[in-house]
Amino acid sequence: MPTLVNEESRWIETPHGRLFSQCWSPAGEHREQRQAPIVLFHDSLGCVALWRDFPQRLCQATGREVLAYDRLGFGRSDAYPGELPTHFIQDEAERFLPLLLAHWRVERFVAFGHSVGGAMAATCAARYPRQCQALITESAQAFVEDRTRQGIQLAKQQFQAPGQLQRLHSYHGDKAPWVLAAWTDTWLSAAFASWTLESGVASIDCPLLVLHGADDEYGSLLHPERIARLASAPARCLILDGCRHVPHREAMDQVLEAVREHLRGACPAWPVP
């Protein structure tokens, strides 16, 4: 039978505004072993709700707690005060992750990020090497590629069609226009054109799993190659055939199995004191 999962939602007060967060944990906490929870970093248009049932399935597959949160400006979190700065990836590691970990009393964690969330997860892993036990990136960008810009430009045009922006309203409310602009205007701007993951991440010291769809419309296979080269610890690169930009939805079972096997070897449980 599938493992039962408990869900708990919390609001986190920060100096910058409230963040919405949610935790999925295996039912029955009388375990002899504790494991570092998995922290999810969503993509440029994402939020907790848009992970859909993936966090629950991830919790069941790994036996670990899974934490997800809406970044400031997204989902149910408070609006972002102004335009998104070009250093927003670094900000997530320096300003917001510590508040999330402190609120949920997390000492060690596994970072899992999708798309730009993958760059954020990698930045967090590099910044907190003693706390981050493992890293998983999915469809992450390592630099601003022509394919990335072309895909975003096409998406920007598609959102001009009647009813398209309403899809974002369903998840982000009145913040939807800001969410779309934060993605498209930032990535298409001249100020962001020179960004690379290497500029903020010198090396990754924890075991690394790089997942990427073979048909990703926002990034070629140069991205997983460059991300894997950042690892000073063991790294595995898995290219998922037939997948585009959202493997955790398009090939969920394959993603779950890859993550489960990665974590089994990367960070086994440790005894409860």
Protein backbone atom coordinates (compact mmCIF):
# COMPACT_ATOMS: atom_id res chain seq x y z
CA MET A 1 0.00 0.00 0.00
CA PRO A 2 1.18 3.60 -0.65
CA THR A 3 2.81 5.33 2.29
CA LEU A 4 0.41 7.70 4.02
CA VAL A 5 1.50 11.32 3.98
CA ASN A 6 0.71 14.14 6.39
CA GLU A 7 0.47 17.71 5.06
CA GLU A 8 1.02 20.91 7.02
CA SER A 9 0.93 24.50 5.76
CA ARG A 10 2.59 27.46 7.49
CA TRP A 11 3.10 31.17 6.93
CA ILE A 12 6.61 32.46 7.49
CA GLU A 13 7.02 36.07 8.56
CA THR A 14 10.07 37.71 7.02
CA PRO A 15 11.39 41.29 6.90
CA HIS A 16 10.39 41.32 3.24
CA GLY A 17 6.86 39.88 3.48
CA ARG A 18 5.07 36.65 4.33
CA LEU A 19 6.02 33.40 2.62
CA PHE A 20 3.61 30.49 2.21
CA SER A 21 5.16 27.06 2.84
CA GLN A 22 3.97 23.49 2.98
CA CYS A 23 5.45 20.25 4.31
CA TRP A 24 4.67 16.66 3.36
CA SER A 25 5.88 14.06 5.84
CA PRO A 26 5.50 10.28 6.10
CA ALA A 27 2.64 9.42 8.45
CA GLY A 28 3.79 7.85 11.69
CA GLU A 29 6.84 9.67 12.97
CA HIS A 30 7.99 6.84 15.26
CA ARG A 31 11.01 6.06 13.13
CA GLU A 32 14.40 5.05 14.43
CA GLN A 33 16.12 7.03 11.70
CA ARG A 34 15.89 10.70 10.69
CA GLN A 35 16.54 11.93 7.21
CA ALA A 36 17.29 15.34 5.80
CA PRO A 37 14.13 16.81 4.22
CA ILE A 38 13.98 17.70 0.54
CA VAL A 39 13.50 21.43 -0.14
CA LEU A 40 11.81 22.23 -3.46
CA PHE A 41 12.61 25.39 -5.44
CA HIS A 42 9.97 26.17 -8.07
CA ASP A 43 10.37 27.53 -11.59
CA SER A 44 9.81 31.06 -12.93
CA LEU A 45 6.01 30.78 -13.16
CA GLY A 46 5.65 28.24 -10.37
CA CYS A 47 4.38 27.98 -6.82
CA VAL A 48 3.55 25.26 -4.30
CA ALA A 49 0.23 24.45 -5.96
CA LEU A 50 1.84 23.99 -9.37
CA TRP A 51 3.99 21.15 -8.08
CA ARG A 52 0.62 19.33 -7.98
CA ASP A 53 1.00 15.84 -6.50
CA PHE A 54 4.75 15.60 -7.02
CA PRO A 55 5.74 16.55 -3.43
CA GLN A 56 3.44 13.86 -2.02
CA ARG A 57 4.78 11.26 -4.43
CA LEU A 58 8.35 12.35 -3.68
CA CYS A 59 7.70 11.95 0.05
CA GLN A 60 6.28 8.48 -0.52
CA ALA A 61 9.13 7.41 -2.81
CA THR A 62 11.96 8.59 -0.54
CA GLY A 63 10.46 8.34 2.94
CA ARG A 64 11.64 11.91 3.56
CA GLU A 65 9.88 15.09 4.46
CA VAL A 66 9.40 17.41 1.51
CA LEU A 67 9.28 21.19 1.98
CA ALA A 68 8.01 23.59 -0.67
CA TYR A 69 7.36 27.30 -0.54
CA ASP A 70 6.12 30.13 -2.70
CA ARG A 71 8.93 32.59 -3.35
CA LEU A 72 8.12 36.20 -2.51
CA GLY A 73 5.86 37.52 -5.27
CA PHE A 74 4.53 34.08 -6.22
CA GLY A 75 1.55 31.92 -5.33
CA ARG A 76 0.11 32.71 -1.91
CA SER A 77 3.16 34.62 -0.66
CA ASP A 78 3.13 38.40 -0.39
CA ALA A 79 3.80 40.62 -3.38
CA TYR A 80 7.40 41.43 -4.25
CA PRO A 81 8.28 45.08 -3.51
CA GLY A 82 9.20 46.36 -6.97
CA GLU A 83 10.86 44.73 -9.97
CA LEU A 84 12.78 41.49 -9.67
CA PRO A 85 16.52 42.33 -9.42
CA THR A 86 19.01 40.55 -11.66
CA HIS A 87 20.66 39.03 -8.55
CA PHE A 88 17.41 37.25 -7.56
CA ILE A 89 18.99 33.78 -7.72
CA GLN A 90 21.66 34.70 -5.19
CA ASP A 91 19.04 36.47 -3.06
CA GLU A 92 17.08 33.25 -2.64
CA ALA A 93 20.08 31.56 -1.06
CA GLU A 94 21.16 34.49 1.08
CA ARG A 95 17.86 36.08 2.19
CA PHE A 96 15.07 33.52 2.06
CA LEU A 97 16.34 29.94 2.45
CA PRO A 98 17.77 30.59 5.95
CA LEU A 99 14.35 31.88 7.07
CA LEU A 100 12.60 28.79 5.70
CA LEU A 101 15.06 26.41 7.36
CA ALA A 102 14.88 28.25 10.69
CA HIS A 103 11.08 28.28 10.71
CA TRP A 104 10.82 24.53 10.06
CA ARG A 105 13.84 23.80 12.32
CA VAL A 106 15.81 22.12 9.57
CA GLU A 107 19.53 21.63 10.15
CA ARG A 108 20.42 19.53 7.12
CA PHE A 109 18.58 19.38 3.81
CA VAL A 110 18.51 18.11 0.24
CA ALA A 111 18.04 20.79 -2.45
CA PHE A 112 15.82 20.03 -5.44
CA GLY A 113 15.15 22.75 -8.02
CA HIS A 114 13.23 22.90 -11.28
CA SER A 115 14.27 25.28 -14.09
CA VAL A 116 15.54 28.53 -12.52
CA GLY A 117 14.81 26.82 -9.21
CA GLY A 118 17.61 24.44 -10.15
CA ALA A 119 20.04 27.35 -10.29
CA MET A 120 18.73 28.47 -6.89
CA ALA A 121 19.12 24.96 -5.45
CA ALA A 122 22.69 24.78 -6.77
CA THR A 123 23.49 28.19 -5.30
CA CYS A 124 22.10 27.11 -1.94
CA ALA A 125 24.10 23.87 -2.04
CA ALA A 126 27.30 25.80 -2.74
CA ARG A 127 26.61 28.42 -0.08
CA TYR A 128 25.72 25.93 2.69
CA PRO A 129 27.98 22.93 2.03
CA ARG A 130 27.78 21.64 5.61
CA GLN A 131 23.98 21.67 5.62
CA CYS A 132 23.19 20.53 2.09
CA GLN A 133 23.63 16.77 1.85
CA ALA A 134 22.65 16.33 -1.80
CA LEU A 135 21.53 18.32 -4.82
CA ILE A 136 19.08 17.51 -7.62
CA THR A 137 18.59 19.89 -10.54
CA GLU A 138 15.83 19.39 -13.08
CA SER A 139 15.72 21.27 -16.39
CA ALA A 140 18.03 23.87 -14.85
CA GLN A 141 19.70 26.63 -16.82
CA ALA A 142 23.42 27.31 -16.43
CA PHE A 143 23.58 30.35 -18.70
CA VAL A 144 21.36 32.49 -20.94
CA GLU A 145 21.26 30.48 -24.17
CA ASP A 146 19.69 31.59 -27.44
CA ARG A 147 17.26 28.66 -27.15
CA THR A 148 16.27 29.87 -23.69
CA ARG A 149 15.57 33.38 -24.94
CA GLN A 150 13.68 32.11 -27.98
CA GLY A 151 11.50 29.85 -25.84
CA ILE A 152 10.73 32.69 -23.44
CA GLN A 153 9.98 35.10 -26.29
CA LEU A 154 7.52 32.60 -27.76
CA ALA A 155 5.88 32.07 -24.37
CA LYS A 156 5.58 35.85 -23.90
CA GLN A 157 3.75 36.11 -27.22
CA GLN A 158 1.45 33.21 -26.32
CA PHE A 159 0.47 34.89 -23.06
CA GLN A 160 -0.91 37.80 -25.11
CA ALA A 161 -3.73 35.55 -26.33
CA PRO A 162 -7.13 35.99 -24.64
CA GLY A 163 -7.48 34.02 -21.42
CA GLN A 164 -3.83 32.98 -21.15
CA LEU A 165 -2.91 35.36 -18.33
CA GLN A 166 -5.98 34.14 -16.44
CA ARG A 167 -4.22 30.79 -16.07
CA LEU A 168 -1.59 32.53 -13.94
CA HIS A 169 -4.27 34.41 -11.99
CA SER A 170 -5.57 31.02 -10.82
CA TYR A 171 -2.31 30.45 -8.93
CA HIS A 172 -0.85 33.92 -8.31
CA GLY A 173 -3.95 36.13 -8.05
CA ASP A 174 -3.38 39.81 -8.74
CA LYS A 175 0.37 39.17 -8.80
CA ALA A 176 0.07 37.30 -12.12
CA PRO A 177 1.22 40.19 -14.38
CA TRP A 178 4.25 40.73 -12.13
CA VAL A 179 5.07 36.99 -12.21
CA LEU A 180 5.00 36.92 -16.01
CA ALA A 181 7.09 40.10 -16.29
CA ALA A 182 9.58 38.87 -13.67
CA TRP A 183 10.25 35.87 -15.90
CA THR A 184 10.15 37.29 -19.40
CA ASP A 185 11.51 40.79 -18.83
CA THR A 186 14.38 39.57 -16.66
CA TRP A 187 15.59 36.75 -18.93
CA LEU A 188 15.20 38.84 -22.09
CA SER A 189 16.95 41.89 -20.65
CA ALA A 190 20.44 42.98 -21.66
CA ALA A 191 21.37 43.26 -17.97
CA PHE A 192 20.80 39.53 -17.43
CA ALA A 193 22.32 38.31 -20.71
CA SER A 194 25.74 37.65 -19.20
CA TRP A 195 24.47 35.63 -16.22
CA THR A 196 25.96 32.19 -15.70
CA LEU A 197 25.56 29.71 -12.88
CA GLU A 198 29.35 29.60 -12.55
CA SER A 199 29.39 33.30 -11.65
CA GLY A 200 27.66 32.47 -8.35
CA VAL A 201 28.72 28.86 -7.81
CA ALA A 202 32.42 28.02 -7.76
CA SER A 203 31.86 24.34 -6.98
CA ILE A 204 29.31 21.91 -5.59
CA ASP A 205 30.63 19.67 -2.85
CA CYS A 206 27.63 17.37 -2.30
CA PRO A 207 26.51 14.45 -4.50
CA LEU A 208 24.74 15.83 -7.56
CA LEU A 209 21.99 14.45 -9.80
CA VAL A 210 21.32 16.45 -12.98
CA LEU A 211 18.01 15.70 -14.73
CA HIS A 212 17.24 17.17 -18.14
CA GLY A 213 14.68 16.48 -20.85
CA ALA A 214 16.18 15.56 -24.22
CA ASP A 215 13.64 17.84 -25.90
CA ASP A 216 13.72 20.72 -23.41
CA GLU A 217 12.47 23.80 -25.25
CA TYR A 218 14.27 26.17 -22.84
CA GLY A 219 17.74 24.69 -22.80
CA SER A 220 20.03 22.41 -24.79
CA LEU A 221 22.15 19.61 -23.34
CA LEU A 222 24.93 22.14 -22.77
CA HIS A 223 23.17 23.05 -19.51
CA PRO A 224 23.35 19.67 -17.74
CA GLU A 225 26.92 19.27 -19.00
CA ARG A 226 27.99 22.58 -17.46
CA ILE A 227 26.15 21.94 -14.21
CA ALA A 228 27.74 18.50 -13.82
CA ARG A 229 31.19 20.02 -14.30
CA LEU A 230 30.66 22.16 -11.19
CA ALA A 231 30.58 19.08 -8.95
CA SER A 232 33.64 18.20 -6.93
CA ALA A 233 31.67 15.29 -5.44
CA PRO A 234 30.14 12.41 -7.43
CA ALA A 235 27.74 13.61 -10.15
CA ARG A 236 25.26 11.77 -12.34
CA CYS A 237 23.65 13.28 -15.42
CA LEU A 238 20.40 11.67 -16.61
CA ILE A 239 18.93 12.76 -19.97
CA LEU A 240 15.26 11.80 -20.18
CA ASP A 241 14.18 10.79 -23.67
CA GLY A 242 10.90 12.20 -24.90
CA CYS A 243 10.80 14.83 -22.16
CA ARG A 244 10.54 18.57 -22.55
CA HIS A 245 10.89 21.11 -19.74
CA VAL A 246 8.88 19.46 -16.95
CA PRO A 247 10.12 15.89 -16.42
CA HIS A 248 8.55 15.62 -12.96
CA ARG A 249 5.18 15.84 -14.73
CA GLU A 250 6.05 14.18 -18.04
CA ALA A 251 8.02 11.24 -16.63
CA MET A 252 7.27 11.33 -12.91
CA ASP A 253 7.95 7.67 -12.17
CA GLN A 254 11.37 7.84 -13.82
CA VAL A 255 12.24 11.04 -11.94
CA LEU A 256 11.10 9.60 -8.61
CA GLU A 257 13.15 6.44 -9.10
CA ALA A 258 16.25 8.41 -10.07
CA VAL A 259 15.93 10.68 -7.02
CA ARG A 260 15.27 7.76 -4.69
CA GLU A 261 18.38 5.92 -5.88
CA HIS A 262 20.46 9.09 -5.73
CA LEU A 263 19.49 9.83 -2.14
CA ARG A 264 19.91 6.24 -1.04
CA GLY A 265 23.60 6.46 -1.84
CA ALA A 266 24.18 10.16 -1.25
CA CYS A 267 22.82 10.73 2.24
CA PRO A 268 21.66 7.75 4.26
CA ALA A 269 19.73 8.33 7.46
CA TRP A 270 21.55 9.04 10.71
CA PRO A 271 20.54 7.84 14.20
CA VAL A 272 18.31 10.02 16.31
CA PRO A 273 20.32 11.31 19.33
